[in-house]
Amino acid sequence: MKRRTMLKALGYGVGGSAVLAGGGLGVYYYTAKLDTVGKVSFDKALSIPPLAESTTNASGARVFTLGIQSGETRFKAGSATRTWGVNGTYLGPTIRARRGERVEFAVRNGLDQDTSLHWHGMHLPAAMDGGPHQVVTAGATWRPRWTIDQPAATLWYHPHVHGSTADHMYRGLSGLFIVDAEDTEEPRLPSQYGVDDIPMIVQDRAFDGDNQFEKRVPLLGGALGVIGDEVLVNGTIGPYVDVTTRLVRLRLLNGSNARLYNLGFSDDRTFTLVATDGGLLARPWNTERLYLSPGERVEIVVAFKPGERVELRSYPSEYGGTLGRINGFDDRLDICQFRAATTLSDSPDIPSTLGAAPDLAGEKAAQERSFALESDKINGRSMAMDRIDFGVRVDTVEVWDVVNDNGFMHNFHVHDVQFQVLTVDGGKPEPHLQGWKDTILLPPGKHFRLALRFRDHTDPNMPYMYHCHLLQHEDNGMMGQFVVLDDGEKVGVVPQQSHHHS
């Protein structure tokens, strides 16, 4: 019996609050562990998001047109599901641009309510960030523009409407944004999009009896938000990939609202981590398991042998705490099957050196700050749209000490910058935390010291965000705001929320 079915059998609806009597609690807890291994049919080819088309305007900028729309998507047999998408009915195209390029967007909101698009992981002016201050009203078009100026990386875009981010993302508004290096000096990694360089937006969803998305929050331990019992990759349930090359690069995004994935393969093979949120690691790292919390991205390279089949899987996690089972931490989930052809094209070996290592450890910190995440608050304060929590000075490095101060899972995301993890509880960070990051998992009680350099874009009035990327936490107020100040500038006043009506 599926988890949500058992919930209903016990007399609970979505987010219900009745008291479980007698043995009901034990039954509910027992059935809360989900195991889909061997139960997924893998009968649909993985959908590959199309690359977004663009034009070049008179000034030489590349212009992308993105239409946010509602529609219906057929995920499974039976009724189609009501969904939202960008240039389609679910998810959006992969935007691809090169470092040094000027990009412009026409983001048209075709919904009947306000929404927005935030460029997660992008270094850009605060007014172009797409955060809660850049709402696009129904029927309006927003036209952000900036110059791409950061290393090659797998970024993404999603709504960021204050109080509604979880809902808008759950309906389907997300897509990848790939930044390419400005020259051809990139390491020789698999790079043919959709062939040996595969984008994978991993999301969990729950469906009701009519195949509509069900925002099901687990009882008792529902402090993380919506946990689904089916996994979609690029909007495909039960996907398979036909492998034609010896090495395949997977660009993995945890696009879920709350679920933590502990990724590995069904045969426990070793795979190679080559990049994290902000781009390539200095050196490749081999592992059999890798955690991915909501909003995080990794790039891994996997080696295949002719004729084999293997599944990408999420394994149980150690970070669940007392109510971990109810929040999905004990789950074992089959995600995608890889089917290698009988003959495979050869691939160059993974280079021993990839990118530039983060270089902020030796920098003098202009300021040290502490952030404690607890009870939908940061440092005891809930997000207020009109409150700027602090200002940072341009061209300085700061060190932030971040800790999860309660027993539930959190993570931490900072807009505009990629940061370096200096230490975890005073020790050297593990290899997967030694590259540039913009989002990190915060296991309870561990102190993460982060080094951040703020450069280029100053604005005393328009803030960037820092927040937990478990979307219910973010929507409930676990978020703050900072501005980047030029020399001599003081923290200003947030303007009246700028709705885009044009």
Protein backbone atom coordinates (compact mmCIF):
# COMPACT_ATOMS: atom_id res chain seq x y z
CA MET A 1 0.00 0.00 0.00
CA LYS A 2 1.40 3.39 -0.95
CA ARG A 3 2.12 5.87 1.80
CA ARG A 4 -0.63 8.29 0.81
CA THR A 5 -3.13 5.41 0.48
CA MET A 6 -2.33 4.27 4.01
CA LEU A 7 -2.74 7.88 5.14
CA LYS A 8 -6.26 7.98 3.73
CA ALA A 9 -7.09 4.57 5.14
CA LEU A 10 -6.23 5.95 8.56
CA GLY A 11 -8.59 8.87 8.02
CA TYR A 12 -6.12 11.57 7.02
CA GLY A 13 -6.21 14.01 4.16
CA VAL A 14 -3.32 16.11 2.94
CA GLY A 15 -1.72 17.81 5.93
CA GLY A 16 -4.38 16.30 8.23
CA SER A 17 -4.14 16.69 11.97
CA ALA A 18 -6.37 14.06 13.52
CA VAL A 19 -4.90 12.01 16.34
CA LEU A 20 -3.68 8.54 15.46
CA ALA A 21 -5.28 6.18 17.93
CA GLY A 22 -4.01 2.86 19.26
CA GLY A 23 -1.85 1.02 16.76
CA GLY A 24 -2.50 3.55 14.00
CA LEU A 25 0.71 5.43 14.75
CA GLY A 26 2.79 2.28 14.52
CA VAL A 27 1.15 1.23 11.26
CA TYR A 28 1.64 4.69 9.77
CA TYR A 29 5.30 4.78 10.82
CA TYR A 30 5.91 1.27 9.49
CA THR A 31 4.36 2.05 6.11
CA ALA A 32 6.20 5.36 5.84
CA LYS A 33 9.27 3.65 4.39
CA LEU A 34 9.07 3.64 0.61
CA ASP A 35 11.04 1.19 -1.53
CA THR A 36 10.59 1.30 -5.31
CA VAL A 37 13.59 -0.85 -6.19
CA GLY A 38 12.52 -3.40 -8.79
CA LYS A 39 9.06 -1.85 -9.04
CA VAL A 40 9.72 0.84 -11.66
CA SER A 41 9.07 -0.29 -15.22
CA PHE A 42 11.55 2.08 -16.95
CA ASP A 43 9.41 2.08 -20.07
CA LYS A 44 9.84 5.70 -21.26
CA ALA A 45 12.88 7.24 -22.89
CA LEU A 46 14.19 10.10 -20.77
CA SER A 47 12.86 13.40 -22.06
CA ILE A 48 15.70 15.83 -22.82
CA PRO A 49 14.73 19.51 -22.36
CA PRO A 50 15.23 21.39 -25.64
CA LEU A 51 17.87 24.09 -25.80
CA ALA A 52 16.26 27.51 -25.61
CA GLU A 53 16.31 29.40 -28.90
CA SER A 54 17.70 32.93 -29.02
CA THR A 55 18.16 35.85 -31.37
CA THR A 56 20.84 38.52 -31.46
CA ASN A 57 19.68 42.10 -31.16
CA ALA A 58 21.23 45.27 -32.59
CA SER A 59 23.50 45.69 -29.57
CA GLY A 60 24.89 42.18 -29.96
CA ALA A 61 23.11 40.69 -26.94
CA ARG A 62 21.54 37.26 -27.13
CA VAL A 63 17.81 37.51 -26.46
CA PHE A 64 15.77 34.62 -25.06
CA THR A 65 11.97 34.64 -24.98
CA LEU A 66 10.43 32.68 -22.12
CA GLY A 67 6.67 32.23 -21.82
CA ILE A 68 5.32 31.05 -18.46
CA GLN A 69 2.09 29.17 -19.08
CA SER A 70 -0.41 26.71 -17.69
CA GLY A 71 -1.44 23.53 -19.47
CA GLU A 72 -1.79 19.80 -19.14
CA THR A 73 0.91 17.14 -19.17
CA ARG A 74 0.40 13.39 -19.54
CA PHE A 75 2.78 11.72 -17.10
CA LYS A 76 0.98 8.36 -16.92
CA ALA A 77 -2.06 6.48 -18.20
CA GLY A 78 -5.39 8.11 -17.46
CA SER A 79 -6.11 11.79 -16.98
CA ALA A 80 -3.60 14.45 -17.94
CA THR A 81 -2.16 16.49 -15.06
CA ARG A 82 -2.72 20.23 -14.77
CA THR A 83 0.76 21.78 -14.83
CA TRP A 84 2.76 24.94 -15.39
CA GLY A 85 5.78 25.27 -17.64
CA VAL A 86 8.06 27.63 -19.53
CA ASN A 87 7.67 27.52 -23.33
CA GLY A 88 5.73 24.29 -22.74
CA THR A 89 3.40 22.66 -20.27
CA TYR A 90 5.96 21.35 -17.74
CA LEU A 91 9.50 22.51 -16.87
CA GLY A 92 11.33 24.75 -19.33
CA PRO A 93 14.04 24.72 -21.98
CA THR A 94 17.71 24.58 -21.08
CA ILE A 95 19.22 28.04 -21.47
CA ARG A 96 22.81 27.96 -22.64
CA ALA A 97 25.17 30.94 -22.80
CA ARG A 98 28.90 31.52 -22.77
CA ARG A 99 30.95 33.51 -20.28
CA GLY A 100 31.39 37.06 -21.58
CA GLU A 101 28.11 37.07 -23.51
CA ARG A 102 25.48 39.72 -22.92
CA VAL A 103 22.09 38.11 -22.44
CA GLU A 104 18.60 39.59 -22.37
CA PHE A 105 15.31 37.90 -21.55
CA ALA A 106 11.69 38.58 -22.32
CA VAL A 107 9.91 36.71 -19.53
CA ARG A 108 6.17 36.82 -20.20
CA ASN A 109 3.80 35.70 -17.47
CA GLY A 110 0.90 33.96 -19.18
CA LEU A 111 -0.63 32.79 -15.90
CA ASP A 112 -3.60 34.35 -14.12
CA GLN A 113 -1.44 35.23 -11.08
CA ASP A 114 1.90 36.83 -10.24
CA THR A 115 5.06 34.78 -10.52
CA SER A 116 8.78 35.30 -11.19
CA LEU A 117 11.94 33.61 -12.46
CA HIS A 118 15.12 33.60 -10.38
CA TRP A 119 18.47 32.69 -11.95
CA HIS A 120 19.80 30.36 -9.24
CA GLY A 121 23.59 30.44 -8.93
CA MET A 122 24.06 33.41 -11.27
CA HIS A 123 26.29 36.40 -10.52
CA LEU A 124 24.28 39.42 -11.67
CA PRO A 125 22.78 42.76 -10.52
CA ALA A 126 20.22 42.44 -7.73
CA ALA A 127 17.53 44.09 -9.86
CA MET A 128 17.96 41.29 -12.45
CA ASP A 129 18.05 38.44 -9.90
CA GLY A 130 14.38 37.46 -10.14
CA GLY A 131 13.93 37.25 -6.40
CA PRO A 132 10.77 38.20 -4.51
CA HIS A 133 11.26 41.88 -5.42
CA GLN A 134 11.07 41.20 -9.16
CA VAL A 135 7.52 39.90 -9.43
CA VAL A 136 6.03 39.59 -12.93
CA THR A 137 2.31 40.28 -12.84
CA ALA A 138 -0.20 38.26 -14.86
CA GLY A 139 0.06 39.20 -18.52
CA ALA A 140 3.22 41.28 -18.04
CA THR A 141 6.73 40.87 -19.48
CA TRP A 142 9.95 41.31 -17.50
CA ARG A 143 13.17 42.13 -19.38
CA PRO A 144 16.28 41.42 -17.30
CA ARG A 145 19.72 41.80 -18.89
CA TRP A 146 23.29 41.22 -17.75
CA THR A 147 26.70 40.01 -18.89
CA ILE A 148 27.59 36.42 -17.99
CA ASP A 149 30.73 36.61 -15.85
CA GLN A 150 31.48 33.38 -14.00
CA PRO A 151 33.08 30.00 -14.71
CA ALA A 152 31.33 27.28 -16.67
CA ALA A 153 28.66 25.67 -14.46
CA THR A 154 25.26 24.02 -14.34
CA LEU A 155 22.85 26.61 -12.92
CA TRP A 156 19.05 26.69 -13.00
CA TYR A 157 16.01 28.95 -12.91
CA HIS A 158 12.79 28.79 -10.92
CA PRO A 159 10.12 31.06 -9.37
CA HIS A 160 10.90 32.99 -6.20
CA VAL A 161 7.58 34.59 -5.19
CA HIS A 162 7.56 35.30 -1.46
CA GLY A 163 5.25 32.80 0.22
CA SER A 164 4.44 30.90 -2.99
CA THR A 165 7.74 29.50 -4.25
CA ALA A 166 6.91 25.93 -3.16
CA ASP A 167 3.54 25.97 -4.93
CA HIS A 168 4.84 27.46 -8.19
CA MET A 169 7.78 25.05 -8.38
CA TYR A 170 5.63 22.03 -7.55
CA ARG A 171 3.36 22.89 -10.48
CA GLY A 172 6.38 22.64 -12.81
CA LEU A 173 8.25 25.93 -13.21
CA SER A 174 11.97 25.06 -13.39
CA GLY A 175 14.72 24.68 -15.97
CA LEU A 176 18.48 24.44 -16.35
CA PHE A 177 20.82 27.31 -17.22
CA ILE A 178 24.19 26.06 -18.48
CA VAL A 179 27.10 28.50 -18.51
CA ASP A 180 29.89 27.53 -20.89
CA ALA A 181 33.51 28.68 -20.70
CA GLU A 182 34.46 31.63 -22.88
CA ASP A 183 37.04 29.67 -24.88
CA THR A 184 37.75 26.11 -25.93
CA GLU A 185 40.14 25.42 -23.06
CA GLU A 186 37.59 23.42 -21.11
CA PRO A 187 38.74 19.95 -20.00
CA ARG A 188 37.88 17.12 -22.35
CA LEU A 189 34.70 15.93 -20.69
CA PRO A 190 31.68 14.41 -22.43
CA SER A 191 29.91 17.40 -23.99
CA GLN A 192 27.33 16.35 -26.61
CA TYR A 193 24.08 17.60 -25.07
CA GLY A 194 21.50 14.85 -24.69
CA VAL A 195 23.89 12.13 -25.91
CA ASP A 196 26.84 11.82 -23.53
CA ASP A 197 26.12 15.04 -21.58
CA ILE A 198 22.70 14.43 -20.04
CA PRO A 199 20.66 17.00 -18.08
CA MET A 200 18.65 15.42 -15.23
CA ILE A 201 16.15 17.46 -13.20
CA VAL A 202 15.19 15.06 -10.40
CA GLN A 203 11.88 15.75 -8.63
CA ASP A 204 9.46 13.85 -6.43
CA ARG A 205 5.73 14.21 -6.91
CA ALA A 206 2.56 12.71 -5.47
CA PHE A 207 -0.52 12.16 -7.65
CA ASP A 208 -4.12 11.85 -6.52
CA GLY A 209 -6.60 9.33 -7.97
CA ASP A 210 -7.25 11.64 -10.94
CA ASN A 211 -3.51 12.04 -11.72
CA GLN A 212 -3.40 15.59 -10.36
CA PHE A 213 -0.44 16.76 -8.30
CA GLU A 214 -1.14 16.28 -4.61
CA LYS A 215 0.77 18.50 -2.20
CA ARG A 216 1.05 15.86 0.46
CA VAL A 217 2.85 16.86 3.65
CA PRO A 218 3.68 13.88 5.88
CA LEU A 219 1.89 13.78 9.21
CA LEU A 220 3.81 14.16 12.46
CA GLY A 221 7.09 14.94 10.75
CA GLY A 222 5.78 17.24 8.05
CA ALA A 223 8.18 20.01 8.99
CA LEU A 224 10.14 19.70 5.74
CA GLY A 225 7.28 20.24 3.31
CA VAL A 226 5.86 18.18 0.47
CA ILE A 227 7.31 14.68 0.00
CA GLY A 228 6.19 12.76 -3.09
CA ASP A 229 6.21 9.03 -3.67
CA GLU A 230 7.06 9.02 -7.40
CA VAL A 231 10.27 10.29 -8.95
CA LEU A 232 10.31 12.25 -12.20
CA VAL A 233 13.41 13.05 -14.23
CA ASN A 234 12.90 15.90 -16.70
CA GLY A 235 9.19 15.24 -16.22
CA THR A 236 9.51 11.52 -17.12
CA ILE A 237 8.34 8.77 -14.77
CA GLY A 238 10.33 5.53 -15.11
CA PRO A 239 12.89 6.89 -17.59
CA TYR A 240 15.65 5.03 -19.37
CA VAL A 241 18.68 6.34 -21.24
CA ASP A 242 20.25 4.55 -24.21
CA VAL A 243 23.99 4.79 -23.62
CA THR A 244 26.17 4.93 -26.74
CA THR A 245 29.52 6.11 -25.31
CA ARG A 246 31.90 4.66 -22.74
CA LEU A 247 31.68 7.72 -20.51
CA VAL A 248 28.55 9.75 -19.82
CA ARG A 249 28.34 13.07 -18.00
CA LEU A 250 25.19 13.60 -15.91
CA ARG A 251 24.20 17.13 -14.89
CA LEU A 252 22.04 16.41 -11.85
CA LEU A 253 19.73 18.96 -10.22
CA ASN A 254 17.69 18.27 -7.10
CA GLY A 255 14.57 20.13 -8.22
CA SER A 256 12.42 18.76 -5.39
CA ASN A 257 10.70 20.93 -2.81
CA ALA A 258 12.01 19.06 0.24
CA ARG A 259 13.41 15.58 -0.53
CA LEU A 260 17.07 14.76 0.06
CA TYR A 261 18.65 12.29 -2.39
CA ASN A 262 21.56 10.00 -1.52
CA LEU A 263 22.63 9.10 -5.03
CA GLY A 264 24.39 5.94 -6.12
CA PHE A 265 24.03 3.14 -8.64
CA SER A 266 22.29 -0.21 -8.24
CA ASP A 267 25.59 -2.12 -8.48
CA ASP A 268 27.42 0.32 -6.16
CA ARG A 269 29.81 1.25 -8.94
CA THR A 270 32.22 4.12 -8.48
CA PHE A 271 31.46 7.30 -10.38
CA THR A 272 33.41 10.55 -10.67
CA LEU A 273 32.33 13.94 -9.37
CA VAL A 274 33.70 16.63 -11.68
CA ALA A 275 31.65 19.74 -10.80
CA THR A 276 29.43 21.19 -8.09
CA ASP A 277 27.11 24.23 -8.02
CA GLY A 278 29.64 26.82 -9.16
CA GLY A 279 31.56 24.76 -11.68
CA LEU A 280 34.40 22.30 -12.07
CA LEU A 281 36.34 20.91 -9.14
CA ALA A 282 40.10 21.35 -9.16
CA ARG A 283 40.44 17.57 -9.35
CA PRO A 284 37.97 14.75 -10.01
CA TRP A 285 36.74 12.76 -7.03
CA ASN A 286 35.64 9.13 -7.14
CA THR A 287 32.80 7.98 -4.89
CA GLU A 288 29.89 5.53 -4.67
CA ARG A 289 27.43 7.88 -2.90
CA LEU A 290 26.63 11.56 -3.12
CA TYR A 291 24.06 13.64 -1.25
CA LEU A 292 22.04 16.21 -3.16
CA SER A 293 19.75 18.55 -1.22
CA PRO A 294 17.08 20.77 -2.83
CA GLY A 295 18.63 23.33 -5.18
CA GLU A 296 22.06 21.70 -5.37
CA ARG A 297 23.65 20.60 -8.63
CA VAL A 298 26.47 18.19 -9.42
CA GLU A 299 28.10 16.94 -12.58
CA ILE A 300 29.25 13.34 -12.48
CA VAL A 301 30.91 11.14 -15.09
CA VAL A 302 29.93 7.46 -15.20
CA ALA A 303 31.73 4.69 -17.09
CA PHE A 304 29.68 1.98 -18.83
CA LYS A 305 30.45 -1.40 -20.34
CA PRO A 306 28.81 -2.71 -23.52
CA GLY A 307 25.42 -4.35 -23.06
CA GLU A 308 24.96 -3.64 -19.35
CA ARG A 309 21.95 -2.18 -17.56
CA VAL A 310 22.21 -0.27 -14.31
CA GLU A 311 19.94 2.02 -12.32
CA LEU A 312 20.62 5.39 -10.73
CA ARG A 313 19.14 5.10 -7.26
CA SER A 314 18.58 7.12 -4.10
CA TYR A 315 19.60 5.29 -0.94
CA PRO A 316 18.55 5.83 2.69
CA SER A 317 20.11 8.83 4.42
CA GLU A 318 21.80 9.19 7.79
CA TYR A 319 20.43 12.69 8.37
CA GLY A 320 16.78 12.01 9.09
CA GLY A 321 16.66 12.27 12.86
CA THR A 322 13.74 10.97 14.94
CA LEU A 323 11.08 11.44 12.28
CA GLY A 324 13.36 10.75 9.34
CA ARG A 325 11.37 7.77 8.07
CA ILE A 326 8.22 9.87 7.75
CA ASN A 327 10.13 12.53 5.80
CA GLY A 328 11.59 10.06 3.30
CA PHE A 329 15.07 9.57 4.74
CA ASP A 330 14.67 5.77 4.90
CA ASP A 331 13.38 5.53 1.32
CA ARG A 332 15.10 3.59 -1.45
CA LEU A 333 14.12 4.93 -4.86
CA ASP A 334 14.93 3.81 -8.39
CA ILE A 335 15.39 6.97 -10.47
CA CYS A 336 16.59 6.13 -13.98
CA GLN A 337 17.86 3.11 -15.90
CA PHE A 338 20.90 3.25 -18.18
CA ARG A 339 21.03 0.76 -21.07
CA ALA A 340 24.41 0.45 -22.72
CA ALA A 341 24.56 -0.51 -26.40
CA THR A 342 26.45 -3.66 -27.44
CA THR A 343 29.23 -1.45 -28.77
CA LEU A 344 30.16 1.90 -27.24
CA SER A 345 32.07 4.82 -28.72
CA ASP A 346 35.31 5.45 -26.89
CA SER A 347 35.67 8.53 -24.72
CA PRO A 348 38.81 10.37 -23.58
CA ASP A 349 39.78 9.65 -19.99
CA ILE A 350 38.75 12.19 -17.37
CA PRO A 351 41.56 14.74 -16.98
CA SER A 352 43.41 14.73 -13.66
CA THR A 353 43.07 18.52 -13.44
CA LEU A 354 39.72 20.18 -14.12
CA GLY A 355 39.17 23.71 -12.85
CA ALA A 356 40.65 26.31 -10.53
CA ALA A 357 40.33 25.57 -6.83
CA PRO A 358 38.53 28.17 -4.69
CA ASP A 359 41.09 30.69 -3.50
CA LEU A 360 39.48 32.60 -0.60
CA ALA A 361 41.01 30.71 2.34
CA GLY A 362 44.00 33.04 2.59
CA GLU A 363 42.02 36.26 2.17
CA LYS A 364 41.56 38.64 5.08
CA ALA A 365 37.92 38.70 6.14
CA ALA A 366 36.44 42.19 6.23
CA GLN A 367 33.58 40.89 8.37
CA GLU A 368 32.54 37.69 10.13
CA ARG A 369 28.85 36.87 10.56
CA SER A 370 26.89 34.05 12.17
CA PHE A 371 23.65 32.50 10.92
CA ALA A 372 21.55 30.06 12.96
CA LEU A 373 18.65 28.35 11.17
CA GLU A 374 15.84 27.24 13.46
CA SER A 375 12.03 27.25 13.55
CA ASP A 376 11.51 28.86 10.13
CA LYS A 377 13.76 31.74 11.19
CA ILE A 378 17.37 32.81 10.72
CA ASN A 379 18.97 34.34 13.81
CA GLY A 380 15.52 34.42 15.39
CA ARG A 381 14.03 36.63 12.67
CA SER A 382 11.49 35.87 9.96
CA MET A 383 11.88 37.32 6.49
CA ALA A 384 10.43 40.83 6.03
CA MET A 385 10.27 42.18 2.48
CA ASP A 386 11.02 45.75 3.62
CA ARG A 387 13.93 44.90 5.98
CA ILE A 388 17.53 44.76 4.76
CA ASP A 389 19.38 42.67 7.34
CA PHE A 390 22.85 43.98 6.54
CA GLY A 391 25.10 45.44 3.87
CA VAL A 392 28.37 43.96 2.60
CA ARG A 393 31.13 46.04 1.04
CA VAL A 394 32.00 45.44 -2.60
CA ASP A 395 35.39 43.85 -3.35
CA THR A 396 35.69 42.36 0.14
CA VAL A 397 35.65 38.83 1.47
CA GLU A 398 33.44 37.87 4.40
CA VAL A 399 33.35 34.68 6.47
CA TRP A 400 29.93 33.38 7.46
CA ASP A 401 29.45 30.74 10.16
CA VAL A 402 26.23 28.85 9.37
CA VAL A 403 24.58 26.26 11.61
CA ASN A 404 21.34 24.29 11.63
CA ASP A 405 20.19 24.76 15.21
CA ASN A 406 17.31 22.29 15.32
CA GLY A 407 16.70 18.63 14.62
CA PHE A 408 15.18 18.97 11.14
CA MET A 409 17.06 19.11 7.87
CA HIS A 410 17.89 22.52 6.41
CA ASN A 411 20.19 23.78 3.73
CA PHE A 412 21.57 27.22 2.92
CA HIS A 413 21.61 29.14 -0.37
CA VAL A 414 23.11 32.58 -1.06
CA HIS A 415 22.19 34.65 -4.11
CA ASP A 416 24.75 36.38 -6.38
CA VAL A 417 27.88 34.59 -5.13
CA GLN A 418 29.54 31.22 -5.16
CA PHE A 419 31.22 30.54 -1.83
CA GLN A 420 34.09 28.42 -0.56
CA VAL A 421 33.52 26.04 2.35
CA LEU A 422 36.51 26.70 4.62
CA THR A 423 35.77 24.25 7.42
CA VAL A 424 33.06 21.93 8.71
CA ASP A 425 33.10 21.77 12.51
CA GLY A 426 36.65 23.07 12.36
CA GLY A 427 37.87 20.32 10.04
CA LYS A 428 38.67 20.15 6.35
CA PRO A 429 35.56 19.85 4.18
CA GLU A 430 34.97 16.60 2.34
CA PRO A 431 35.99 16.52 -1.35
CA HIS A 432 32.46 17.24 -2.63
CA LEU A 433 32.51 20.51 -0.65
CA GLN A 434 35.90 21.68 -1.90
CA GLY A 435 34.62 23.37 -5.07
CA TRP A 436 32.54 26.50 -5.53
CA LYS A 437 29.08 26.19 -3.96
CA ASP A 438 25.94 28.29 -3.69
CA THR A 439 23.78 25.77 -1.78
CA ILE A 440 24.88 23.39 0.99
CA LEU A 441 23.20 20.72 3.07
CA LEU A 442 23.18 21.61 6.79
CA PRO A 443 23.08 18.48 8.96
CA PRO A 444 21.88 19.43 12.47
CA GLY A 445 24.51 20.96 14.74
CA LYS A 446 27.40 21.17 12.29
CA HIS A 447 29.08 24.57 11.81
CA PHE A 448 30.02 25.51 8.27
CA ARG A 449 32.45 28.39 7.77
CA LEU A 450 31.92 29.90 4.33
CA ALA A 451 34.09 32.48 2.55
CA LEU A 452 32.26 34.79 0.13
CA ARG A 453 33.68 37.49 -2.15
CA PHE A 454 31.28 40.23 -3.22
CA ARG A 455 32.17 41.91 -6.48
CA ASP A 456 30.87 44.13 -9.28
CA HIS A 457 27.21 44.81 -8.66
CA THR A 458 26.33 47.36 -5.98
CA ASP A 459 22.89 48.64 -5.03
CA PRO A 460 22.11 50.02 -1.54
CA ASN A 461 18.36 49.51 -1.97
CA MET A 462 17.80 46.30 -3.91
CA PRO A 463 18.66 43.20 -1.87
CA TYR A 464 19.84 39.69 -2.58
CA MET A 465 18.52 36.74 -0.56
CA TYR A 466 20.03 34.10 1.71
CA HIS A 467 17.72 31.30 2.78
CA CYS A 468 16.96 27.65 3.34
CA HIS A 469 16.12 26.00 0.00
CA LEU A 470 13.59 23.61 1.50
CA LEU A 471 10.76 25.57 -0.03
CA GLN A 472 8.23 25.35 2.80
CA HIS A 473 10.89 26.76 5.13
CA GLU A 474 11.68 29.56 2.70
CA ASP A 475 8.01 30.40 2.23
CA ASN A 476 7.44 30.36 5.99
CA GLY A 477 10.14 32.97 6.56
CA MET A 478 13.55 31.23 6.79
CA MET A 479 15.15 33.89 4.62
CA GLY A 480 17.00 37.18 4.95
CA GLN A 481 18.21 40.01 2.71
CA PHE A 482 21.51 41.78 2.16
CA VAL A 483 22.77 44.51 -0.16
CA VAL A 484 26.18 45.04 -1.73
CA LEU A 485 27.49 48.55 -1.05
CA ASP A 486 29.98 50.68 -2.94
CA ASP A 487 32.64 52.59 -1.01
CA GLY A 488 30.96 55.17 1.21
CA GLU A 489 27.43 53.86 0.58
CA LYS A 490 25.06 53.02 3.42
CA VAL A 491 22.24 50.51 3.55
CA GLY A 492 19.25 52.07 1.84
CA VAL A 493 15.54 51.40 1.75
CA VAL A 494 13.86 48.61 -0.19
CA PRO A 495 11.65 50.21 -2.87
CA GLN A 496 7.98 49.41 -3.08
CA GLN A 497 7.79 45.93 -4.58
CA SER A 498 8.58 46.35 -8.27
CA HIS A 499 5.87 44.58 -10.21
CA HIS A 500 6.63 44.35 -13.90
CA HIS A 501 3.61 45.44 -15.92
CA SER A 502 5.13 46.11 -19.35
